[in-house]
Amino acid sequence: MIGNARSDSVIYDLPPQRTGKRGRPALHGKKLSIQNDFTLSDEKIGDYYMAVRRVLTNVFGKRTVLAYVTSADKAAGGRRLFFSTVFPEQLQIFCAWQEKSPLNQTLT
């Protein structure tokens, strides 16, 4: 699922590695800002500059999602935030086709 989100939605960095010390481990990293913590691409993709990173959010329950930030102007443009629950490494695309239509084949 991919969805547009409010630009002021709370997003967190992934939790830091466990330190091995006593106590409860951190549930999430630092709070992120779409203005300061996302580096936009050098070239436009379509009509937009884009940045992406894995983040934690409570929008879909406490889970890791991909946060995409887009902007029409790299220097001073407004930024939009999108969340994706689909990770590229999890995508599997299957394609099937037939050389001939089954109606044209005769059975023997």
PDB file of N, CA and C in Angstrom:
ATOM      1  N   MET A   1       0.841  -1.177   0.000  1.00  0.00           N
ATOM      2  CA  MET A   1       0.000   0.000   0.000  1.00  0.00           C
ATOM      3  C   MET A   1       0.885   1.239   0.000  1.00  0.00           C
ATOM      4  N   ILE A   2       0.551   2.186  -0.829  1.00  0.00           N
ATOM      5  CA  ILE A   2       1.255   3.464  -0.872  1.00  0.00           C
ATOM      6  C   ILE A   2       0.224   4.549  -0.633  1.00  0.00           C
ATOM      7  N   GLY A   3       0.542   5.482   0.245  1.00  0.00           N
ATOM      8  CA  GLY A   3      -0.422   6.533   0.550  1.00  0.00           C
ATOM      9  C   GLY A   3       0.244   7.852   0.863  1.00  0.00           C
ATOM     10  N   ASN A   4      -0.448   8.923   0.502  1.00  0.00           N
ATOM     11  CA  ASN A   4       0.012  10.264   0.826  1.00  0.00           C
ATOM     12  C   ASN A   4      -0.249  10.508   2.309  1.00  0.00           C
ATOM     13  N   ALA A   5       0.684  11.165   2.981  1.00  0.00           N
ATOM     14  CA  ALA A   5       0.538  11.425   4.411  1.00  0.00           C
ATOM     15  C   ALA A   5       0.726  12.911   4.671  1.00  0.00           C
ATOM     16  N   ARG A   6       0.267  13.347   5.822  1.00  0.00           N
ATOM     17  CA  ARG A   6       0.493  14.741   6.212  1.00  0.00           C
ATOM     18  C   ARG A   6       1.990  14.967   6.365  1.00  0.00           C
ATOM     19  N   SER A   7       2.453  16.114   5.922  1.00  0.00           N
ATOM     20  CA  SER A   7       3.889  16.390   5.989  1.00  0.00           C
ATOM     21  C   SER A   7       4.384  16.545   7.419  1.00  0.00           C
ATOM     22  N   ASP A   8       3.489  16.738   8.378  1.00  0.00           N
ATOM     23  CA  ASP A   8       3.914  16.853   9.773  1.00  0.00           C
ATOM     24  C   ASP A   8       3.704  15.541  10.543  1.00  0.00           C
ATOM     25  N   SER A   9       3.511  14.435   9.812  1.00  0.00           N
ATOM     26  CA  SER A   9       3.373  13.133  10.462  1.00  0.00           C
ATOM     27  C   SER A   9       4.657  12.804  11.212  1.00  0.00           C
ATOM     28  N   VAL A  10       4.507  12.177  12.354  1.00  0.00           N
ATOM     29  CA  VAL A  10       5.676  11.824  13.162  1.00  0.00           C
ATOM     30  C   VAL A  10       6.315  10.570  12.594  1.00  0.00           C
ATOM     31  N   ILE A  11       7.595  10.680  12.251  1.00  0.00           N
ATOM     32  CA  ILE A  11       8.354   9.536  11.760  1.00  0.00           C
ATOM     33  C   ILE A  11       9.657   9.462  12.542  1.00  0.00           C
ATOM     34  N   TYR A  12      10.115   8.242  12.757  1.00  0.00           N
ATOM     35  CA  TYR A  12      11.326   8.008  13.535  1.00  0.00           C
ATOM     36  C   TYR A  12      12.329   7.221  12.719  1.00  0.00           C
ATOM     37  N   ASP A  13      13.596   7.423  13.035  1.00  0.00           N
ATOM     38  CA  ASP A  13      14.660   6.612  12.471  1.00  0.00           C
ATOM     39  C   ASP A  13      14.542   5.208  13.052  1.00  0.00           C
ATOM     40  N   LEU A  14      15.177   4.239  12.415  1.00  0.00           N
ATOM     41  CA  LEU A  14      15.148   2.875  12.926  1.00  0.00           C
ATOM     42  C   LEU A  14      15.861   2.813  14.271  1.00  0.00           C
ATOM     43  N   PRO A  15      15.503   1.853  15.125  1.00  0.00           N
ATOM     44  CA  PRO A  15      16.126   1.790  16.448  1.00  0.00           C
ATOM     45  C   PRO A  15      17.616   1.489  16.345  1.00  0.00           C
ATOM     46  N   PRO A  16      18.405   2.044  17.253  1.00  0.00           N
ATOM     47  CA  PRO A  16      19.842   1.764  17.235  1.00  0.00           C
ATOM     48  C   PRO A  16      20.115   0.320  17.661  1.00  0.00           C
ATOM     49  N   GLN A  17      21.307  -0.164  17.350  1.00  0.00           N
ATOM     50  CA  GLN A  17      21.705  -1.510  17.758  1.00  0.00           C
ATOM     51  C   GLN A  17      21.701  -1.614  19.270  1.00  0.00           C
ATOM     52  N   ARG A  18      21.423  -2.779  19.783  1.00  0.00           N
ATOM     53  CA  ARG A  18      21.436  -2.996  21.228  1.00  0.00           C
ATOM     54  C   ARG A  18      22.849  -2.786  21.751  1.00  0.00           C
ATOM     55  N   THR A  19      22.943  -2.172  22.904  1.00  0.00           N
ATOM     56  CA  THR A  19      24.251  -1.841  23.472  1.00  0.00           C
ATOM     57  C   THR A  19      24.804  -2.945  24.348  1.00  0.00           C
ATOM     58  N   GLY A  20      23.973  -3.873  24.771  1.00  0.00           N
ATOM     59  CA  GLY A  20      24.414  -4.922  25.668  1.00  0.00           C
ATOM     60  C   GLY A  20      24.354  -4.514  27.127  1.00  0.00           C
ATOM     61  N   LYS A  21      23.964  -3.286  27.388  1.00  0.00           N
ATOM     62  CA  LYS A  21      23.824  -2.815  28.761  1.00  0.00           C
ATOM     63  C   LYS A  21      22.468  -3.223  29.311  1.00  0.00           C
ATOM     64  N   ARG A  22      22.323  -3.116  30.607  1.00  0.00           N
ATOM     65  CA  ARG A  22      21.051  -3.436  31.240  1.00  0.00           C
ATOM     66  C   ARG A  22      20.013  -2.377  30.896  1.00  0.00           C
ATOM     67  N   GLY A  23      18.769  -2.772  31.004  1.00  0.00           N
ATOM     68  CA  GLY A  23      17.685  -1.832  30.751  1.00  0.00           C
ATOM     69  C   GLY A  23      16.966  -2.132  29.455  1.00  0.00           C
ATOM     70  N   ARG A  24      15.864  -1.456  29.293  1.00  0.00           N
ATOM     71  CA  ARG A  24      15.036  -1.660  28.107  1.00  0.00           C
ATOM     72  C   ARG A  24      15.718  -1.054  26.882  1.00  0.00           C
ATOM     73  N   PRO A  25      15.771  -1.773  25.769  1.00  0.00           N
ATOM     74  CA  PRO A  25      16.381  -1.204  24.558  1.00  0.00           C
ATOM     75  C   PRO A  25      15.468  -0.141  23.950  1.00  0.00           C
ATOM     76  N   ALA A  26      16.051   0.741  23.162  1.00  0.00           N
ATOM     77  CA  ALA A  26      15.295   1.809  22.506  1.00  0.00           C
ATOM     78  C   ALA A  26      14.283   1.204  21.528  1.00  0.00           C
ATOM     79  N   LEU A  27      13.071   1.753  21.532  1.00  0.00           N
ATOM     80  CA  LEU A  27      12.033   1.277  20.619  1.00  0.00           C
ATOM     81  C   LEU A  27      12.152   1.907  19.241  1.00  0.00           C
ATOM     82  N   HIS A  28      12.714   3.102  19.168  1.00  0.00           N
ATOM     83  CA  HIS A  28      12.892   3.788  17.888  1.00  0.00           C
ATOM     84  C   HIS A  28      14.058   4.753  17.998  1.00  0.00           C
ATOM     85  N   GLY A  29      14.501   5.236  16.858  1.00  0.00           N
ATOM     86  CA  GLY A  29      15.591   6.201  16.822  1.00  0.00           C
ATOM     87  C   GLY A  29      15.071   7.614  16.997  1.00  0.00           C
ATOM     88  N   LYS A  30      15.862   8.580  16.518  1.00  0.00           N
ATOM     89  CA  LYS A  30      15.478   9.978  16.687  1.00  0.00           C
ATOM     90  C   LYS A  30      14.299  10.351  15.783  1.00  0.00           C
ATOM     91  N   LYS A  31      13.593  11.378  16.174  1.00  0.00           N
ATOM     92  CA  LYS A  31      12.471  11.902  15.388  1.00  0.00           C
ATOM     93  C   LYS A  31      13.041  12.559  14.131  1.00  0.00           C
ATOM     94  N   LEU A  32      12.427  12.274  12.975  1.00  0.00           N
ATOM     95  CA  LEU A  32      12.926  12.779  11.695  1.00  0.00           C
ATOM     96  C   LEU A  32      12.047  13.898  11.159  1.00  0.00           C
ATOM     97  N   SER A  33      12.655  14.776  10.382  1.00  0.00           N
ATOM     98  CA  SER A  33      11.954  15.874   9.716  1.00  0.00           C
ATOM     99  C   SER A  33      12.111  15.700   8.209  1.00  0.00           C
ATOM    100  N   ILE A  34      11.027  15.891   7.440  1.00  0.00           N
ATOM    101  CA  ILE A  34      11.150  15.741   5.986  1.00  0.00           C
ATOM    102  C   ILE A  34      11.946  16.893   5.372  1.00  0.00           C
ATOM    103  N   GLN A  35      12.094  17.990   6.094  1.00  0.00           N
ATOM    104  CA  GLN A  35      12.885  19.123   5.592  1.00  0.00           C
ATOM    105  C   GLN A  35      14.380  18.901   5.767  1.00  0.00           C
ATOM    106  N   ASN A  36      14.797  18.330   6.899  1.00  0.00           N
ATOM    107  CA  ASN A  36      16.217  18.268   7.228  1.00  0.00           C
ATOM    108  C   ASN A  36      16.845  16.890   7.119  1.00  0.00           C
ATOM    109  N   ASP A  37      16.080  15.837   7.232  1.00  0.00           N
ATOM    110  CA  ASP A  37      16.645  14.495   7.316  1.00  0.00           C
ATOM    111  C   ASP A  37      16.515  13.664   6.043  1.00  0.00           C
ATOM    112  N   PHE A  38      15.999  14.225   4.984  1.00  0.00           N
ATOM    113  CA  PHE A  38      15.891  13.540   3.702  1.00  0.00           C
ATOM    114  C   PHE A  38      16.673  14.319   2.654  1.00  0.00           C
ATOM    115  N   THR A  39      17.615  13.663   1.993  1.00  0.00           N
ATOM    116  CA  THR A  39      18.419  14.293   0.949  1.00  0.00           C
ATOM    117  C   THR A  39      17.794  13.970  -0.402  1.00  0.00           C
ATOM    118  N   LEU A  40      17.342  14.999  -1.108  1.00  0.00           N
ATOM    119  CA  LEU A  40      16.681  14.808  -2.398  1.00  0.00           C
ATOM    120  C   LEU A  40      17.688  14.395  -3.461  1.00  0.00           C
ATOM    121  N   SER A  41      17.212  13.663  -4.468  1.00  0.00           N
ATOM    122  CA  SER A  41      18.058  13.208  -5.571  1.00  0.00           C
ATOM    123  C   SER A  41      18.625  14.406  -6.328  1.00  0.00           C
ATOM    124  N   ASP A  42      19.749  14.201  -7.009  1.00  0.00           N
ATOM    125  CA  ASP A  42      20.379  15.277  -7.774  1.00  0.00           C
ATOM    126  C   ASP A  42      19.630  15.579  -9.059  1.00  0.00           C
ATOM    127  N   GLU A  43      18.976  14.572  -9.614  1.00  0.00           N
ATOM    128  CA  GLU A  43      18.231  14.749 -10.862  1.00  0.00           C
ATOM    129  C   GLU A  43      16.751  14.500 -10.613  1.00  0.00           C
ATOM    130  N   LYS A  44      15.939  15.152 -11.423  1.00  0.00           N
ATOM    131  CA  LYS A  44      14.492  14.948 -11.316  1.00  0.00           C
ATOM    132  C   LYS A  44      14.113  13.570 -11.840  1.00  0.00           C
ATOM    133  N   ILE A  45      13.178  12.950 -11.160  1.00  0.00           N
ATOM    134  CA  ILE A  45      12.591  11.702 -11.610  1.00  0.00           C
ATOM    135  C   ILE A  45      11.169  12.063 -12.010  1.00  0.00           C
ATOM    136  N   GLY A  46      10.936  12.126 -13.302  1.00  0.00           N
ATOM    137  CA  GLY A  46       9.674  12.676 -13.784  1.00  0.00           C
ATOM    138  C   GLY A  46       9.710  14.182 -13.571  1.00  0.00           C
ATOM    139  N   ASP A  47       8.768  14.710 -12.809  1.00  0.00           N
ATOM    140  CA  ASP A  47       8.728  16.144 -12.521  1.00  0.00           C
ATOM    141  C   ASP A  47       9.207  16.480 -11.117  1.00  0.00           C
ATOM    142  N   TYR A  48       9.729  15.499 -10.380  1.00  0.00           N
ATOM    143  CA  TYR A  48      10.050  15.719  -8.973  1.00  0.00           C
ATOM    144  C   TYR A  48      11.437  15.233  -8.590  1.00  0.00           C
ATOM    145  N   TYR A  49      11.997  15.892  -7.591  1.00  0.00           N
ATOM    146  CA  TYR A  49      13.162  15.369  -6.898  1.00  0.00           C
ATOM    147  C   TYR A  49      12.616  14.443  -5.819  1.00  0.00           C
ATOM    148  N   MET A  50      13.356  13.374  -5.505  1.00  0.00           N
ATOM    149  CA  MET A  50      12.804  12.403  -4.575  1.00  0.00           C
ATOM    150  C   MET A  50      13.880  11.902  -3.611  1.00  0.00           C
ATOM    151  N   ALA A  51      13.444  11.566  -2.404  1.00  0.00           N
ATOM    152  CA  ALA A  51      14.289  10.928  -1.398  1.00  0.00           C
ATOM    153  C   ALA A  51      13.498   9.804  -0.764  1.00  0.00           C
ATOM    154  N   VAL A  52      14.195   8.771  -0.325  1.00  0.00           N
ATOM    155  CA  VAL A  52      13.518   7.630   0.304  1.00  0.00           C
ATOM    156  C   VAL A  52      14.406   7.063   1.407  1.00  0.00           C
ATOM    157  N   ARG A  53      13.771   6.584   2.472  1.00  0.00           N
ATOM    158  CA  ARG A  53      14.484   5.884   3.544  1.00  0.00           C
ATOM    159  C   ARG A  53      13.493   5.085   4.372  1.00  0.00           C
ATOM    160  N   ARG A  54      14.003   4.055   5.037  1.00  0.00           N
ATOM    161  CA  ARG A  54      13.186   3.247   5.940  1.00  0.00           C
ATOM    162  C   ARG A  54      12.985   4.018   7.234  1.00  0.00           C
ATOM    163  N   VAL A  55      11.752   4.025   7.707  1.00  0.00           N
ATOM    164  CA  VAL A  55      11.420   4.735   8.940  1.00  0.00           C
ATOM    165  C   VAL A  55      10.433   3.914   9.762  1.00  0.00           C
ATOM    166  N   LEU A  56      10.243   4.322  10.988  1.00  0.00           N
ATOM    167  CA  LEU A  56       9.200   3.756  11.843  1.00  0.00           C
ATOM    168  C   LEU A  56       8.088   4.779  11.974  1.00  0.00           C
ATOM    169  N   THR A  57       6.856   4.311  11.929  1.00  0.00           N
ATOM    170  CA  THR A  57       5.712   5.195  12.095  1.00  0.00           C
ATOM    171  C   THR A  57       4.578   4.427  12.764  1.00  0.00           C
ATOM    172  N   ASN A  58       3.658   5.151  13.323  1.00  0.00           N
ATOM    173  CA  ASN A  58       2.493   4.532  13.955  1.00  0.00           C
ATOM    174  C   ASN A  58       1.261   4.592  13.066  1.00  0.00           C
ATOM    175  N   VAL A  59       1.407   5.069  11.841  1.00  0.00           N
ATOM    176  CA  VAL A  59       0.262   5.225  10.947  1.00  0.00           C
ATOM    177  C   VAL A  59      -0.361   3.866  10.624  1.00  0.00           C
ATOM    178  N   PHE A  60       0.457   2.853  10.372  1.00  0.00           N
ATOM    179  CA  PHE A  60      -0.030   1.515  10.041  1.00  0.00           C
ATOM    180  C   PHE A  60       0.183   0.558  11.207  1.00  0.00           C
ATOM    181  N   GLY A  61       0.151   1.040  12.414  1.00  0.00           N
ATOM    182  CA  GLY A  61       0.587   0.259  13.564  1.00  0.00           C
ATOM    183  C   GLY A  61       2.091   0.462  13.670  1.00  0.00           C
ATOM    184  N   LYS A  62       2.682   0.039  14.734  1.00  0.00           N
ATOM    185  CA  LYS A  62       4.128   0.241  14.884  1.00  0.00           C
ATOM    186  C   LYS A  62       4.857  -0.692  13.931  1.00  0.00           C
ATOM    187  N   ARG A  63       5.291  -0.145  12.805  1.00  0.00           N
ATOM    188  CA  ARG A  63       5.978  -0.964  11.813  1.00  0.00           C
ATOM    189  C   ARG A  63       6.927  -0.134  10.978  1.00  0.00           C
ATOM    190  N   THR A  64       7.846  -0.841  10.328  1.00  0.00           N
ATOM    191  CA  THR A  64       8.807  -0.198   9.428  1.00  0.00           C
ATOM    192  C   THR A  64       8.150  -0.018   8.065  1.00  0.00           C
ATOM    193  N   VAL A  65       8.265   1.175   7.504  1.00  0.00           N
ATOM    194  CA  VAL A  65       7.739   1.470   6.173  1.00  0.00           C
ATOM    195  C   VAL A  65       8.799   2.265   5.414  1.00  0.00           C
ATOM    196  N   LEU A  66       8.591   2.434   4.130  1.00  0.00           N
ATOM    197  CA  LEU A  66       9.436   3.321   3.345  1.00  0.00           C
ATOM    198  C   LEU A  66       8.767   4.684   3.297  1.00  0.00           C
ATOM    199  N   ALA A  67       9.529   5.727   3.582  1.00  0.00           N
ATOM    200  CA  ALA A  67       9.021   7.095   3.490  1.00  0.00           C
ATOM    201  C   ALA A  67       9.628   7.729   2.245  1.00  0.00           C
ATOM    202  N   TYR A  68       8.783   8.182   1.345  1.00  0.00           N
ATOM    203  CA  TYR A  68       9.215   8.886   0.137  1.00  0.00           C
ATOM    204  C   TYR A  68       8.884  10.361   0.317  1.00  0.00           C
ATOM    205  N   VAL A  69       9.842  11.226   0.031  1.00  0.00           N
ATOM    206  CA  VAL A  69       9.633  12.665   0.084  1.00  0.00           C
ATOM    207  C   VAL A  69       9.873  13.197  -1.319  1.00  0.00           C
ATOM    208  N   THR A  70       8.933  13.990  -1.826  1.00  0.00           N
ATOM    209  CA  THR A  70       9.067  14.558  -3.168  1.00  0.00           C
ATOM    210  C   THR A  70       8.976  16.078  -3.096  1.00  0.00           C
ATOM    211  N   SER A  71       9.613  16.720  -4.082  1.00  0.00           N
ATOM    212  CA  SER A  71       9.559  18.170  -4.188  1.00  0.00           C
ATOM    213  C   SER A  71       9.767  18.571  -5.643  1.00  0.00           C
ATOM    214  N   ALA A  72       8.987  19.529  -6.110  1.00  0.00           N
ATOM    215  CA  ALA A  72       9.136  20.008  -7.486  1.00  0.00           C
ATOM    216  C   ALA A  72      10.356  20.923  -7.619  1.00  0.00           C
ATOM    217  N   ASP A  73      10.726  21.610  -6.549  1.00  0.00           N
ATOM    218  CA  ASP A  73      11.883  22.503  -6.557  1.00  0.00           C
ATOM    219  C   ASP A  73      12.821  22.066  -5.441  1.00  0.00           C
ATOM    220  N   LYS A  74      14.047  21.734  -5.794  1.00  0.00           N
ATOM    221  CA  LYS A  74      14.976  21.182  -4.816  1.00  0.00           C
ATOM    222  C   LYS A  74      15.350  22.178  -3.731  1.00  0.00           C
ATOM    223  N   ALA A  75      15.489  23.441  -4.081  1.00  0.00           N
ATOM    224  CA  ALA A  75      15.982  24.436  -3.125  1.00  0.00           C
ATOM    225  C   ALA A  75      14.898  24.928  -2.168  1.00  0.00           C
ATOM    226  N   ALA A  76      13.768  25.366  -2.700  1.00  0.00           N
ATOM    227  CA  ALA A  76      12.803  26.050  -1.840  1.00  0.00           C
ATOM    228  C   ALA A  76      11.377  25.530  -1.955  1.00  0.00           C
ATOM    229  N   GLY A  77      11.189  24.429  -2.653  1.00  0.00           N
ATOM    230  CA  GLY A  77       9.829  23.952  -2.861  1.00  0.00           C
ATOM    231  C   GLY A  77       9.254  23.247  -1.647  1.00  0.00           C
ATOM    232  N   GLY A  78       7.937  23.179  -1.619  1.00  0.00           N
ATOM    233  CA  GLY A  78       7.275  22.424  -0.567  1.00  0.00           C
ATOM    234  C   GLY A  78       7.511  20.938  -0.771  1.00  0.00           C
ATOM    235  N   ARG A  79       7.494  20.192   0.286  1.00  0.00           N
ATOM    236  CA  ARG A  79       7.747  18.760   0.204  1.00  0.00           C
ATOM    237  C   ARG A  79       6.498  17.977   0.574  1.00  0.00           C
ATOM    238  N   ARG A  80       6.321  16.837  -0.096  1.00  0.00           N
ATOM    239  CA  ARG A  80       5.195  15.950   0.184  1.00  0.00           C
ATOM    240  C   ARG A  80       5.732  14.631   0.683  1.00  0.00           C
ATOM    241  N   LEU A  81       4.980  13.994   1.561  1.00  0.00           N
ATOM    242  CA  LEU A  81       5.390  12.753   2.199  1.00  0.00           C
ATOM    243  C   LEU A  81       4.453  11.622   1.786  1.00  0.00           C
ATOM    244  N   PHE A  82       5.043  10.488   1.417  1.00  0.00           N
ATOM    245  CA  PHE A  82       4.292   9.287   1.058  1.00  0.00           C
ATOM    246  C   PHE A  82       4.864   8.115   1.848  1.00  0.00           C
ATOM    247  N   PHE A  83       3.996   7.216   2.290  1.00  0.00           N
ATOM    248  CA  PHE A  83       4.430   5.997   2.959  1.00  0.00           C
ATOM    249  C   PHE A  83       4.131   4.809   2.063  1.00  0.00           C
ATOM    250  N   SER A  84       5.035   3.851   2.057  1.00  0.00           N
ATOM    251  CA  SER A  84       4.840   2.621   1.301  1.00  0.00           C
ATOM    252  C   SER A  84       5.095   1.430   2.211  1.00  0.00           C
ATOM    253  N   THR A  85       4.164   0.487   2.220  1.00  0.00           N
ATOM    254  CA  THR A  85       4.358  -0.744   2.982  1.00  0.00           C
ATOM    255  C   THR A  85       4.975  -1.826   2.110  1.00  0.00           C
ATOM    256  N   VAL A  86       5.239  -1.508   0.845  1.00  0.00           N
ATOM    257  CA  VAL A  86       5.843  -2.449  -0.090  1.00  0.00           C
ATOM    258  C   VAL A  86       7.321  -2.114  -0.231  1.00  0.00           C
ATOM    259  N   PHE A  87       8.170  -3.106  -0.002  1.00  0.00           N
ATOM    260  CA  PHE A  87       9.607  -2.925  -0.144  1.00  0.00           C
ATOM    261  C   PHE A  87      10.059  -3.537  -1.465  1.00  0.00           C
ATOM    262  N   PRO A  88      10.918  -2.842  -2.219  1.00  0.00           N
ATOM    263  CA  PRO A  88      11.327  -3.340  -3.542  1.00  0.00           C
ATOM    264  C   PRO A  88      11.906  -4.751  -3.517  1.00  0.00           C
ATOM    265  N   GLU A  89      12.638  -5.116  -2.462  1.00  0.00           N
ATOM    266  CA  GLU A  89      13.234  -6.447  -2.416  1.00  0.00           C
ATOM    267  C   GLU A  89      12.183  -7.533  -2.169  1.00  0.00           C
ATOM    268  N   GLN A  90      10.976  -7.150  -1.777  1.00  0.00           N
ATOM    269  CA  GLN A  90       9.914  -8.124  -1.553  1.00  0.00           C
ATOM    270  C   GLN A  90       9.020  -8.309  -2.771  1.00  0.00           C
ATOM    271  N   LEU A  91       9.192  -7.469  -3.780  1.00  0.00           N
ATOM    272  CA  LEU A  91       8.333  -7.556  -4.956  1.00  0.00           C
ATOM    273  C   LEU A  91       8.674  -8.777  -5.788  1.00  0.00           C
ATOM    274  N   GLN A  92       7.669  -9.478  -6.187  1.00  0.00           N
ATOM    275  CA  GLN A  92       7.820 -10.583  -7.105  1.00  0.00           C
ATOM    276  C   GLN A  92       6.786 -10.385  -8.193  1.00  0.00           C
ATOM    277  N   ILE A  93       7.261 -10.202  -9.404  1.00  0.00           N
ATOM    278  CA  ILE A  93       6.353  -9.973 -10.522  1.00  0.00           C
ATOM    279  C   ILE A  93       6.363 -11.217 -11.396  1.00  0.00           C
ATOM    280  N   PHE A  94       5.190 -11.754 -11.629  1.00  0.00           N
ATOM    281  CA  PHE A  94       5.066 -12.938 -12.445  1.00  0.00           C
ATOM    282  C   PHE A  94       4.356 -12.564 -13.741  1.00  0.00           C
ATOM    283  N   CYS A  95       4.830 -13.111 -14.816  1.00  0.00           N
ATOM    284  CA  CYS A  95       4.229 -12.834 -16.113  1.00  0.00           C
ATOM    285  C   CYS A  95       4.017 -14.158 -16.832  1.00  0.00           C
ATOM    286  N   ALA A  96       2.833 -14.376 -17.342  1.00  0.00           N
ATOM    287  CA  ALA A  96       2.541 -15.608 -18.073  1.00  0.00           C
ATOM    288  C   ALA A  96       1.890 -15.236 -19.395  1.00  0.00           C
ATOM    289  N   TRP A  97       2.231 -15.957 -20.431  1.00  0.00           N
ATOM    290  CA  TRP A  97       1.623 -15.700 -21.723  1.00  0.00           C
ATOM    291  C   TRP A  97       1.546 -17.011 -22.493  1.00  0.00           C
ATOM    292  N   GLN A  98       0.732 -16.986 -23.565  1.00  0.00           N
ATOM    293  CA  GLN A  98       0.594 -18.136 -24.435  1.00  0.00           C
ATOM    294  C   GLN A  98       0.959 -17.714 -25.835  1.00  0.00           C
ATOM    295  N   GLU A  99       1.572 -18.636 -26.562  1.00  0.00           N
ATOM    296  CA  GLU A  99       1.921 -18.356 -27.952  1.00  0.00           C
ATOM    297  C   GLU A  99       0.661 -18.310 -28.830  1.00  0.00           C
ATOM    298  N   LYS A 100      -0.263 -19.256 -28.591  1.00  0.00           N
ATOM    299  CA  LYS A 100      -1.482 -19.335 -29.389  1.00  0.00           C
ATOM    300  C   LYS A 100      -2.681 -19.336 -28.465  1.00  0.00           C
ATOM    301  N   SER A 101      -3.771 -18.858 -28.974  1.00  0.00           N
ATOM    302  CA  SER A 101      -5.012 -18.891 -28.215  1.00  0.00           C
ATOM    303  C   SER A 101      -5.474 -20.331 -28.063  1.00  0.00           C
ATOM    304  N   PRO A 102      -5.974 -20.707 -26.893  1.00  0.00           N
ATOM    305  CA  PRO A 102      -6.438 -22.093 -26.701  1.00  0.00           C
ATOM    306  C   PRO A 102      -7.617 -22.460 -27.619  1.00  0.00           C
ATOM    307  N   LEU A 103      -8.351 -21.496 -28.120  1.00  0.00           N
ATOM    308  CA  LEU A 103      -9.489 -21.791 -28.993  1.00  0.00           C
ATOM    309  C   LEU A 103      -9.031 -22.269 -30.354  1.00  0.00           C
ATOM    310  N   ASN A 104      -7.847 -21.872 -30.797  1.00  0.00           N
ATOM    311  CA  ASN A 104      -7.358 -22.254 -32.107  1.00  0.00           C
ATOM    312  C   ASN A 104      -6.673 -23.613 -32.097  1.00  0.00           C
ATOM    313  N   GLN A 105      -6.455 -24.195 -30.941  1.00  0.00           N
ATOM    314  CA  GLN A 105      -5.785 -25.480 -30.857  1.00  0.00           C
ATOM    315  C   GLN A 105      -6.811 -26.603 -30.952  1.00  0.00           C
ATOM    316  N   THR A 106      -6.442 -27.678 -31.610  1.00  0.00           N
ATOM    317  CA  THR A 106      -7.349 -28.826 -31.717  1.00  0.00           C
ATOM    318  C   THR A 106      -6.895 -29.914 -30.764  1.00  0.00           C
ATOM    319  N   LEU A 107      -7.859 -30.604 -30.194  1.00  0.00           N
ATOM    320  CA  LEU A 107      -7.556 -31.703 -29.292  1.00  0.00           C
ATOM    321  C   LEU A 107      -7.525 -33.004 -30.077  1.00  0.00           C
ATOM    322  N   THR A 108      -6.590 -33.866 -29.738  1.00  0.00           N
ATOM    323  CA  THR A 108      -6.527 -35.167 -30.442  1.00  0.00           C
ATOM    324  C   THR A 108      -6.716 -36.304 -29.472  1.00  0.00           C
TER     325      THR A 108
END
